[in-house]
Each structure stands twice: as C-alpha cells, then as structure tokens.
Amino acid sequence: MNETYNIRTPSVAHSKIFWLIPPVFIVGALVFFLIDIVGGSAIRHSGVIVEKFYKPERIHLTKVKEMQPKGEFATYLTAETEPAEWAIFARSKSGRVIRMECGRDLYYSKSIGESVRYVMVQGLMTSWPYYTQGIVGPSPARNRMMTTAQAFRQMKIRTASL
C-alpha cells in the first residue's frame, strides 16, 4: 500500500496562456487606437485668433562622465535639440478656446483678431480630439483695402489687447 503518485499541480505562472495575455492586450490596444484615429472624422471649424504662442528652438548641452575600460574617467558633451513650436489659440463660434499647432507660415501670416480655419480630428469610437491643425489660406481681411480710419482703429485694438 505504499503507492506514491507523482502529481504536479500546474501553476498559473508556468502556463503558456498566462504569458500570452500581456502581448495580446498591448496589440489589441494599439489596433483599437489605430482604427480610432484612422477612421476618425476631420471636422473643419473657423474661429478668431485670441493669442499666439512661439517657443524657439532650444539646444540642451549635457556633460557626461563615463568610466573607460582602463579605469579612467572620460568627459563628453552631448547635445539634444528641441524643435521650434508655433501655436495659435482661437475662439470658436461656440465660445471654446482651442489650441492648434501651426506652421511658421500660418503663424506669421495671421495676426490677433483675424479669422482662422482649422481642422480637428476626432476619434471614430471615442470621439476624442486627437489633434488640431491650422489651415493656410487667404484671409478675406488681408485682401481688401482698408481706409486710414479702419487701420487706426485696428491698431488701437491691438495695442489695447497687449
């Protein structure tokens, strides 16, 4: 009656299915957001520029000390470049102030108080606003001739807002 059974209980950590759960979850989340962004709708809006923001290009220098294989220390300088950033804050017709990324040409071609057109991309399933991009195009205010009184009035408005 001395029978011994070699029964091993399978643990969850040794299961092959257990190790497949995180990669499947990560791939599923990436596919979900990819479908959400690609299938999302681009909504065109227009608004009035309230504020302009410019962040110049920056170069960060860092001093790094490293130990060489012979046991001596070597000092290096590393450089990281942070690109320039142009942004416009526009008030939409609904009253919301929206920050939009724009290129240098749009930033310098428009001034505060002018109307601007922009595209907002919202997700298909989540309807989250993923990004907002300004559209470069001719402004009706720039194409028409202004009288001296209108130009003076516009200068007063700009200086009062500063």
N, C-alpha and C. Protein backbone atom coordinates (compact mmCIF):
# COMPACT_ATOMS: atom_id res chain seq x y z
N MET A 1 0.81 -1.18 0.00
CA MET A 1 0.00 0.00 0.00
C MET A 1 0.86 1.25 0.00
N ASN A 2 2.03 1.09 -0.39
CA ASN A 2 2.93 2.22 -0.40
C ASN A 2 3.02 2.80 -1.82
N GLU A 3 1.92 3.20 -2.33
CA GLU A 3 1.92 3.76 -3.68
C GLU A 3 2.10 5.27 -3.59
N THR A 4 3.00 5.76 -4.37
CA THR A 4 3.19 7.21 -4.42
C THR A 4 2.79 7.69 -5.81
N TYR A 5 2.13 8.78 -5.82
CA TYR A 5 1.69 9.37 -7.08
C TYR A 5 2.50 10.63 -7.34
N ASN A 6 2.95 10.74 -8.53
CA ASN A 6 3.71 11.93 -8.91
C ASN A 6 2.76 12.90 -9.61
N ILE A 7 1.98 13.57 -8.83
CA ILE A 7 1.02 14.52 -9.39
C ILE A 7 1.57 15.93 -9.16
N ARG A 8 1.78 16.62 -10.24
CA ARG A 8 2.24 18.01 -10.14
C ARG A 8 1.07 18.90 -10.45
N THR A 9 0.84 19.83 -9.59
CA THR A 9 -0.25 20.78 -9.84
C THR A 9 0.28 21.87 -10.76
N PRO A 10 -0.40 22.12 -11.84
CA PRO A 10 0.08 23.17 -12.75
C PRO A 10 -0.13 24.55 -12.13
N SER A 11 0.91 25.35 -12.12
CA SER A 11 0.77 26.70 -11.58
C SER A 11 0.40 27.66 -12.72
N VAL A 12 -0.15 28.76 -12.34
CA VAL A 12 -0.60 29.73 -13.34
C VAL A 12 0.59 30.37 -14.05
N ALA A 13 1.68 30.58 -13.33
CA ALA A 13 2.84 31.24 -13.92
C ALA A 13 3.53 30.38 -14.97
N HIS A 14 3.38 29.05 -14.88
CA HIS A 14 4.01 28.18 -15.86
C HIS A 14 3.14 27.94 -17.08
N SER A 15 1.95 28.43 -17.04
CA SER A 15 1.03 28.23 -18.15
C SER A 15 1.43 29.11 -19.33
N LYS A 16 1.37 28.57 -20.54
CA LYS A 16 1.73 29.33 -21.74
C LYS A 16 0.70 30.41 -22.03
N ILE A 17 -0.52 30.18 -21.69
CA ILE A 17 -1.57 31.16 -21.93
C ILE A 17 -1.36 32.40 -21.07
N PHE A 18 -0.85 32.22 -19.86
CA PHE A 18 -0.60 33.34 -18.96
C PHE A 18 0.38 34.34 -19.58
N TRP A 19 1.39 33.85 -20.26
CA TRP A 19 2.40 34.73 -20.85
C TRP A 19 1.93 35.36 -22.16
N LEU A 20 0.83 34.88 -22.72
CA LEU A 20 0.30 35.48 -23.95
C LEU A 20 -0.65 36.64 -23.67
N ILE A 21 -1.15 36.76 -22.46
CA ILE A 21 -2.15 37.80 -22.15
C ILE A 21 -1.60 39.22 -22.35
N PRO A 22 -0.43 39.61 -21.77
CA PRO A 22 0.04 41.00 -21.97
C PRO A 22 0.30 41.38 -23.42
N PRO A 23 0.99 40.54 -24.23
CA PRO A 23 1.19 40.96 -25.63
C PRO A 23 -0.11 41.08 -26.42
N VAL A 24 -1.06 40.19 -26.17
CA VAL A 24 -2.34 40.27 -26.87
C VAL A 24 -3.08 41.54 -26.46
N PHE A 25 -3.02 41.90 -25.19
CA PHE A 25 -3.67 43.13 -24.72
C PHE A 25 -3.02 44.37 -25.35
N ILE A 26 -1.70 44.40 -25.42
CA ILE A 26 -0.99 45.56 -25.99
C ILE A 26 -1.30 45.69 -27.48
N VAL A 27 -1.25 44.59 -28.21
CA VAL A 27 -1.55 44.62 -29.64
C VAL A 27 -3.00 45.03 -29.87
N GLY A 28 -3.91 44.53 -29.05
CA GLY A 28 -5.32 44.91 -29.17
C GLY A 28 -5.54 46.39 -28.92
N ALA A 29 -4.85 46.95 -27.92
CA ALA A 29 -4.99 48.38 -27.63
C ALA A 29 -4.43 49.22 -28.78
N LEU A 30 -3.29 48.81 -29.34
CA LEU A 30 -2.72 49.55 -30.47
C LEU A 30 -3.64 49.51 -31.68
N VAL A 31 -4.21 48.36 -31.97
CA VAL A 31 -5.13 48.23 -33.11
C VAL A 31 -6.37 49.09 -32.87
N PHE A 32 -6.89 49.09 -31.64
CA PHE A 32 -8.06 49.90 -31.31
C PHE A 32 -7.81 51.38 -31.57
N PHE A 33 -6.67 51.91 -31.05
CA PHE A 33 -6.38 53.33 -31.24
C PHE A 33 -6.04 53.66 -32.69
N LEU A 34 -5.42 52.73 -33.41
CA LEU A 34 -5.13 52.95 -34.82
C LEU A 34 -6.42 53.07 -35.62
N ILE A 35 -7.37 52.17 -35.36
CA ILE A 35 -8.67 52.25 -36.04
C ILE A 35 -9.41 53.51 -35.63
N ASP A 36 -9.29 53.89 -34.36
CA ASP A 36 -9.97 55.09 -33.87
C ASP A 36 -9.44 56.35 -34.55
N ILE A 37 -8.12 56.43 -34.73
CA ILE A 37 -7.53 57.63 -35.35
C ILE A 37 -7.77 57.64 -36.86
N VAL A 38 -7.49 56.51 -37.53
CA VAL A 38 -7.61 56.46 -38.99
C VAL A 38 -9.07 56.59 -39.43
N GLY A 39 -9.98 55.97 -38.69
CA GLY A 39 -11.39 56.04 -39.06
C GLY A 39 -12.09 57.28 -38.55
N GLY A 40 -11.37 58.11 -37.81
CA GLY A 40 -11.98 59.31 -37.24
C GLY A 40 -12.35 60.34 -38.30
N SER A 41 -13.14 61.29 -37.88
CA SER A 41 -13.61 62.30 -38.82
C SER A 41 -12.83 63.59 -38.64
N ALA A 42 -12.55 64.24 -39.75
CA ALA A 42 -11.88 65.54 -39.74
C ALA A 42 -12.97 66.61 -39.82
N ILE A 43 -13.11 67.38 -38.78
CA ILE A 43 -14.14 68.41 -38.72
C ILE A 43 -13.50 69.77 -38.95
N ARG A 44 -14.02 70.49 -39.92
CA ARG A 44 -13.48 71.82 -40.24
C ARG A 44 -14.23 72.87 -39.43
N HIS A 45 -13.46 73.75 -38.79
CA HIS A 45 -14.00 74.84 -37.98
C HIS A 45 -13.37 76.14 -38.42
N SER A 46 -13.91 77.21 -37.90
CA SER A 46 -13.27 78.51 -38.06
C SER A 46 -13.44 79.26 -36.75
N GLY A 47 -12.53 80.17 -36.50
CA GLY A 47 -12.57 80.94 -35.26
C GLY A 47 -11.74 82.21 -35.40
N VAL A 48 -11.68 82.94 -34.31
CA VAL A 48 -10.94 84.20 -34.26
C VAL A 48 -9.71 83.99 -33.38
N ILE A 49 -8.56 84.45 -33.85
CA ILE A 49 -7.31 84.27 -33.10
C ILE A 49 -7.35 85.14 -31.85
N VAL A 50 -7.12 84.49 -30.71
CA VAL A 50 -7.12 85.19 -29.43
C VAL A 50 -5.69 85.43 -28.95
N GLU A 51 -4.82 84.44 -29.16
CA GLU A 51 -3.44 84.51 -28.66
C GLU A 51 -2.54 83.72 -29.60
N LYS A 52 -1.28 84.17 -29.70
CA LYS A 52 -0.28 83.45 -30.48
C LYS A 52 0.86 83.06 -29.55
N PHE A 53 1.42 81.87 -29.77
CA PHE A 53 2.47 81.35 -28.90
C PHE A 53 3.62 80.84 -29.76
N TYR A 54 4.84 81.27 -29.43
CA TYR A 54 6.03 80.81 -30.14
C TYR A 54 7.07 80.37 -29.12
N LYS A 55 7.56 79.16 -29.30
CA LYS A 55 8.63 78.64 -28.44
C LYS A 55 9.83 78.37 -29.35
N PRO A 56 10.93 79.10 -29.19
CA PRO A 56 12.05 78.95 -30.11
C PRO A 56 12.77 77.61 -29.93
N GLU A 57 13.57 77.28 -30.92
CA GLU A 57 14.36 76.06 -30.88
C GLU A 57 15.38 76.16 -29.75
N ARG A 58 15.53 75.06 -29.00
CA ARG A 58 16.49 75.05 -27.89
C ARG A 58 17.46 73.89 -28.06
N ILE A 59 18.69 74.16 -27.65
CA ILE A 59 19.71 73.12 -27.66
C ILE A 59 20.16 72.90 -26.23
N HIS A 60 20.01 71.67 -25.75
CA HIS A 60 20.40 71.32 -24.39
C HIS A 60 21.76 70.63 -24.43
N LEU A 61 22.75 71.21 -23.76
CA LEU A 61 24.06 70.59 -23.65
C LEU A 61 24.18 69.92 -22.28
N THR A 62 24.67 68.70 -22.27
CA THR A 62 24.81 67.95 -21.03
C THR A 62 26.23 67.41 -20.94
N LYS A 63 26.82 67.53 -19.75
CA LYS A 63 28.16 66.99 -19.52
C LYS A 63 28.01 65.59 -18.93
N VAL A 64 28.64 64.61 -19.58
CA VAL A 64 28.52 63.21 -19.16
C VAL A 64 29.91 62.68 -18.80
N LYS A 65 30.01 62.05 -17.62
CA LYS A 65 31.27 61.39 -17.23
C LYS A 65 31.07 59.90 -17.36
N GLU A 66 32.01 59.25 -18.04
CA GLU A 66 31.94 57.82 -18.26
C GLU A 66 33.25 57.17 -17.85
N MET A 67 33.14 55.99 -17.26
CA MET A 67 34.36 55.26 -16.89
C MET A 67 34.82 54.41 -18.07
N GLN A 68 36.07 54.56 -18.43
CA GLN A 68 36.66 53.81 -19.53
C GLN A 68 37.07 52.41 -19.04
N PRO A 69 37.30 51.48 -19.97
CA PRO A 69 37.71 50.12 -19.56
C PRO A 69 39.02 50.09 -18.75
N LYS A 70 39.89 51.06 -18.96
CA LYS A 70 41.17 51.09 -18.23
C LYS A 70 41.00 51.65 -16.81
N GLY A 71 39.83 52.17 -16.49
CA GLY A 71 39.60 52.69 -15.15
C GLY A 71 39.66 54.21 -15.06
N GLU A 72 39.90 54.89 -16.16
CA GLU A 72 39.95 56.35 -16.13
C GLU A 72 38.59 56.91 -16.52
N PHE A 73 38.35 58.14 -16.13
CA PHE A 73 37.09 58.79 -16.46
C PHE A 73 37.26 59.67 -17.70
N ALA A 74 36.27 59.64 -18.57
CA ALA A 74 36.27 60.49 -19.76
C ALA A 74 35.03 61.38 -19.70
N THR A 75 35.16 62.61 -20.11
CA THR A 75 34.05 63.56 -20.09
C THR A 75 33.64 63.87 -21.51
N TYR A 76 32.32 63.78 -21.76
CA TYR A 76 31.77 64.07 -23.09
C TYR A 76 30.70 65.14 -22.96
N LEU A 77 30.49 65.87 -24.03
CA LEU A 77 29.37 66.80 -24.12
C LEU A 77 28.36 66.21 -25.09
N THR A 78 27.11 66.11 -24.65
CA THR A 78 26.04 65.63 -25.53
C THR A 78 25.08 66.78 -25.78
N ALA A 79 24.50 66.80 -26.97
CA ALA A 79 23.57 67.88 -27.34
C ALA A 79 22.25 67.28 -27.80
N GLU A 80 21.17 67.83 -27.28
CA GLU A 80 19.82 67.46 -27.71
C GLU A 80 19.14 68.71 -28.23
N THR A 81 18.47 68.59 -29.35
CA THR A 81 17.78 69.73 -29.94
C THR A 81 16.29 69.59 -29.75
N GLU A 82 15.67 70.63 -29.23
CA GLU A 82 14.22 70.69 -29.08
C GLU A 82 13.69 71.61 -30.19
N PRO A 83 12.85 71.12 -31.09
CA PRO A 83 12.45 71.94 -32.24
C PRO A 83 11.57 73.12 -31.85
N ALA A 84 11.52 74.10 -32.73
CA ALA A 84 10.68 75.27 -32.52
C ALA A 84 9.21 74.87 -32.59
N GLU A 85 8.38 75.63 -31.89
CA GLU A 85 6.95 75.30 -31.83
C GLU A 85 6.13 76.58 -32.04
N TRP A 86 5.19 76.50 -32.97
CA TRP A 86 4.28 77.60 -33.24
C TRP A 86 2.86 77.14 -32.92
N ALA A 87 2.13 77.95 -32.18
CA ALA A 87 0.76 77.59 -31.83
C ALA A 87 -0.12 78.83 -31.83
N ILE A 88 -1.38 78.63 -32.13
CA ILE A 88 -2.38 79.70 -32.13
C ILE A 88 -3.55 79.26 -31.25
N PHE A 89 -4.03 80.18 -30.42
CA PHE A 89 -5.23 79.94 -29.63
C PHE A 89 -6.37 80.67 -30.33
N ALA A 90 -7.41 79.94 -30.70
CA ALA A 90 -8.54 80.54 -31.43
C ALA A 90 -9.84 80.27 -30.66
N ARG A 91 -10.70 81.27 -30.67
CA ARG A 91 -12.02 81.12 -30.05
C ARG A 91 -13.01 80.74 -31.15
N SER A 92 -13.66 79.59 -30.97
CA SER A 92 -14.60 79.12 -31.97
C SER A 92 -15.94 79.84 -31.81
N LYS A 93 -16.86 79.55 -32.72
CA LYS A 93 -18.17 80.20 -32.67
C LYS A 93 -18.96 79.79 -31.43
N SER A 94 -18.65 78.59 -30.89
CA SER A 94 -19.35 78.13 -29.69
C SER A 94 -18.76 78.75 -28.42
N GLY A 95 -17.63 79.46 -28.52
CA GLY A 95 -17.03 80.12 -27.38
C GLY A 95 -15.86 79.38 -26.77
N ARG A 96 -15.56 78.17 -27.27
CA ARG A 96 -14.43 77.40 -26.76
C ARG A 96 -13.12 77.95 -27.32
N VAL A 97 -12.11 78.05 -26.46
CA VAL A 97 -10.78 78.45 -26.93
C VAL A 97 -10.00 77.17 -27.20
N ILE A 98 -9.51 77.04 -28.43
CA ILE A 98 -8.84 75.82 -28.88
C ILE A 98 -7.40 76.15 -29.24
N ARG A 99 -6.47 75.33 -28.74
CA ARG A 99 -5.06 75.49 -29.07
C ARG A 99 -4.78 74.63 -30.29
N MET A 100 -4.17 75.22 -31.31
CA MET A 100 -3.86 74.46 -32.50
C MET A 100 -2.40 74.65 -32.88
N GLU A 101 -1.80 73.56 -33.31
CA GLU A 101 -0.44 73.61 -33.82
C GLU A 101 -0.50 74.18 -35.23
N CYS A 102 0.49 74.97 -35.58
CA CYS A 102 0.50 75.52 -36.93
C CYS A 102 1.94 75.65 -37.39
N GLY A 103 2.10 75.85 -38.67
CA GLY A 103 3.42 76.05 -39.24
C GLY A 103 3.84 77.50 -39.12
N ARG A 104 5.10 77.75 -39.47
CA ARG A 104 5.64 79.10 -39.36
C ARG A 104 4.92 80.07 -40.29
N ASP A 105 4.56 79.61 -41.48
CA ASP A 105 3.92 80.49 -42.45
C ASP A 105 2.55 80.95 -41.98
N LEU A 106 1.76 80.06 -41.39
CA LEU A 106 0.45 80.45 -40.87
C LEU A 106 0.59 81.37 -39.67
N TYR A 107 1.56 81.08 -38.81
CA TYR A 107 1.78 81.88 -37.60
C TYR A 107 2.09 83.34 -37.96
N TYR A 108 2.95 83.54 -38.95
CA TYR A 108 3.35 84.91 -39.30
C TYR A 108 2.38 85.59 -40.27
N SER A 109 1.55 84.83 -40.96
CA SER A 109 0.62 85.45 -41.90
C SER A 109 -0.65 85.96 -41.22
N LYS A 110 -0.97 85.45 -40.04
CA LYS A 110 -2.18 85.87 -39.33
C LYS A 110 -1.81 86.69 -38.11
N SER A 111 -2.71 87.59 -37.74
CA SER A 111 -2.49 88.39 -36.54
C SER A 111 -3.68 88.21 -35.60
N ILE A 112 -3.55 88.69 -34.38
CA ILE A 112 -4.60 88.54 -33.37
C ILE A 112 -5.83 89.31 -33.83
N GLY A 113 -6.98 88.68 -33.74
CA GLY A 113 -8.24 89.29 -34.16
C GLY A 113 -8.70 88.83 -35.53
N GLU A 114 -7.83 88.20 -36.29
CA GLU A 114 -8.21 87.70 -37.62
C GLU A 114 -8.87 86.34 -37.49
N SER A 115 -9.64 85.98 -38.52
CA SER A 115 -10.26 84.66 -38.51
C SER A 115 -9.28 83.63 -39.07
N VAL A 116 -9.40 82.42 -38.57
CA VAL A 116 -8.53 81.33 -38.99
C VAL A 116 -9.39 80.08 -39.15
N ARG A 117 -9.03 79.27 -40.14
CA ARG A 117 -9.71 77.99 -40.35
C ARG A 117 -8.81 76.89 -39.83
N TYR A 118 -9.41 75.85 -39.26
CA TYR A 118 -8.62 74.74 -38.74
C TYR A 118 -9.40 73.45 -38.84
N VAL A 119 -8.66 72.35 -38.78
CA VAL A 119 -9.24 71.01 -38.86
C VAL A 119 -8.98 70.31 -37.53
N MET A 120 -10.04 69.75 -36.94
CA MET A 120 -9.92 68.98 -35.71
C MET A 120 -10.24 67.53 -36.05
N VAL A 121 -9.34 66.62 -35.71
CA VAL A 121 -9.55 65.20 -35.98
C VAL A 121 -10.02 64.54 -34.69
N GLN A 122 -11.23 63.95 -34.76
CA GLN A 122 -11.81 63.26 -33.61
C GLN A 122 -11.86 61.77 -33.91
N GLY A 123 -11.75 60.97 -32.85
CA GLY A 123 -11.75 59.53 -32.98
C GLY A 123 -13.09 58.98 -33.44
N LEU A 124 -13.05 57.82 -34.08
CA LEU A 124 -14.25 57.18 -34.60
C LEU A 124 -15.12 56.63 -33.47
N MET A 125 -14.51 55.91 -32.55
CA MET A 125 -15.27 55.26 -31.48
C MET A 125 -15.27 56.07 -30.18
N THR A 126 -14.18 56.79 -29.91
CA THR A 126 -14.08 57.52 -28.65
C THR A 126 -14.48 58.98 -28.78
N SER A 127 -14.45 59.53 -29.98
CA SER A 127 -14.67 60.95 -30.30
C SER A 127 -13.79 61.87 -29.46
N TRP A 128 -12.58 61.41 -29.15
CA TRP A 128 -11.59 62.25 -28.50
C TRP A 128 -10.94 63.12 -29.56
N PRO A 129 -10.66 64.39 -29.27
CA PRO A 129 -9.92 65.21 -30.24
C PRO A 129 -8.43 64.85 -30.19
N TYR A 130 -7.93 64.22 -31.26
CA TYR A 130 -6.54 63.79 -31.26
C TYR A 130 -5.59 64.93 -31.59
N TYR A 131 -5.90 65.72 -32.58
CA TYR A 131 -5.06 66.88 -32.86
C TYR A 131 -5.87 67.93 -33.62
N THR A 132 -5.36 69.15 -33.57
CA THR A 132 -5.98 70.27 -34.26
C THR A 132 -4.90 70.96 -35.07
N GLN A 133 -5.15 71.15 -36.35
CA GLN A 133 -4.16 71.72 -37.25
C GLN A 133 -4.75 72.92 -37.97
N GLY A 134 -4.02 74.02 -38.01
CA GLY A 134 -4.45 75.21 -38.73
C GLY A 134 -4.31 75.03 -40.23
N ILE A 135 -5.17 75.69 -40.99
CA ILE A 135 -5.14 75.61 -42.45
C ILE A 135 -4.65 76.93 -43.00
N VAL A 136 -3.68 76.85 -43.89
CA VAL A 136 -3.16 78.05 -44.52
C VAL A 136 -4.06 78.40 -45.70
N GLY A 137 -4.48 79.62 -45.75
CA GLY A 137 -5.32 80.06 -46.85
C GLY A 137 -5.44 81.57 -46.82
N PRO A 138 -5.90 82.17 -47.90
CA PRO A 138 -6.01 83.63 -47.91
C PRO A 138 -7.09 84.09 -46.94
N SER A 139 -6.78 85.14 -46.25
CA SER A 139 -7.74 85.73 -45.32
C SER A 139 -8.49 86.84 -46.02
N PRO A 140 -9.81 86.91 -45.89
CA PRO A 140 -10.56 87.97 -46.55
C PRO A 140 -10.15 89.35 -46.08
N ALA A 141 -9.73 89.50 -44.82
CA ALA A 141 -9.35 90.80 -44.29
C ALA A 141 -8.05 91.30 -44.91
N ARG A 142 -7.17 90.41 -45.30
CA ARG A 142 -5.91 90.83 -45.90
C ARG A 142 -6.07 91.25 -47.36
N ASN A 143 -7.07 90.74 -48.05
CA ASN A 143 -7.23 91.01 -49.47
C ASN A 143 -7.95 92.34 -49.75
N ARG A 144 -8.69 92.85 -48.81
CA ARG A 144 -9.43 94.08 -49.10
C ARG A 144 -8.63 95.31 -48.66
N MET A 145 -8.93 96.41 -49.28
CA MET A 145 -8.25 97.67 -48.95
C MET A 145 -8.88 98.27 -47.71
N MET A 146 -8.07 98.86 -46.84
CA MET A 146 -8.57 99.49 -45.63
C MET A 146 -8.44 100.99 -45.73
N THR A 147 -9.40 101.67 -45.15
CA THR A 147 -9.26 103.11 -45.05
C THR A 147 -8.31 103.42 -43.89
N THR A 148 -7.86 104.65 -43.82
CA THR A 148 -6.95 105.03 -42.75
C THR A 148 -7.62 104.93 -41.39
N ALA A 149 -8.89 105.28 -41.31
CA ALA A 149 -9.62 105.20 -40.03
C ALA A 149 -9.74 103.75 -39.56
N GLN A 150 -9.99 102.83 -40.49
CA GLN A 150 -10.08 101.42 -40.12
C GLN A 150 -8.72 100.90 -39.64
N ALA A 151 -7.66 101.28 -40.32
CA ALA A 151 -6.32 100.84 -39.91
C ALA A 151 -5.97 101.39 -38.54
N PHE A 152 -6.31 102.65 -38.28
CA PHE A 152 -6.03 103.26 -36.98
C PHE A 152 -6.84 102.56 -35.88
N ARG A 153 -8.11 102.25 -36.16
CA ARG A 153 -8.96 101.56 -35.20
C ARG A 153 -8.40 100.17 -34.89
N GLN A 154 -7.91 99.48 -35.91
CA GLN A 154 -7.33 98.15 -35.72
C GLN A 154 -6.04 98.23 -34.88
N MET A 155 -5.23 99.29 -35.10
CA MET A 155 -4.02 99.48 -34.30
C MET A 155 -4.37 99.70 -32.84
N LYS A 156 -5.45 100.47 -32.58
CA LYS A 156 -5.88 100.73 -31.21
C LYS A 156 -6.31 99.43 -30.53
N ILE A 157 -7.03 98.58 -31.25
CA ILE A 157 -7.49 97.31 -30.68
C ILE A 157 -6.31 96.43 -30.34
N ARG A 158 -5.30 96.37 -31.23
CA ARG A 158 -4.13 95.52 -30.97
C ARG A 158 -3.33 96.01 -29.78
N THR A 159 -3.11 97.32 -29.67
CA THR A 159 -2.32 97.84 -28.56
C THR A 159 -3.08 97.73 -27.24
N ALA A 160 -4.41 97.82 -27.27
CA ALA A 160 -5.19 97.69 -26.05
C ALA A 160 -5.17 96.25 -25.54
N SER A 161 -5.05 95.28 -26.44
CA SER A 161 -5.05 93.87 -26.01
C SER A 161 -3.70 93.45 -25.45
N LEU A 162 -2.63 94.20 -25.74
CA LEU A 162 -1.31 93.84 -25.21
C LEU A 162 -1.26 94.22 -23.77
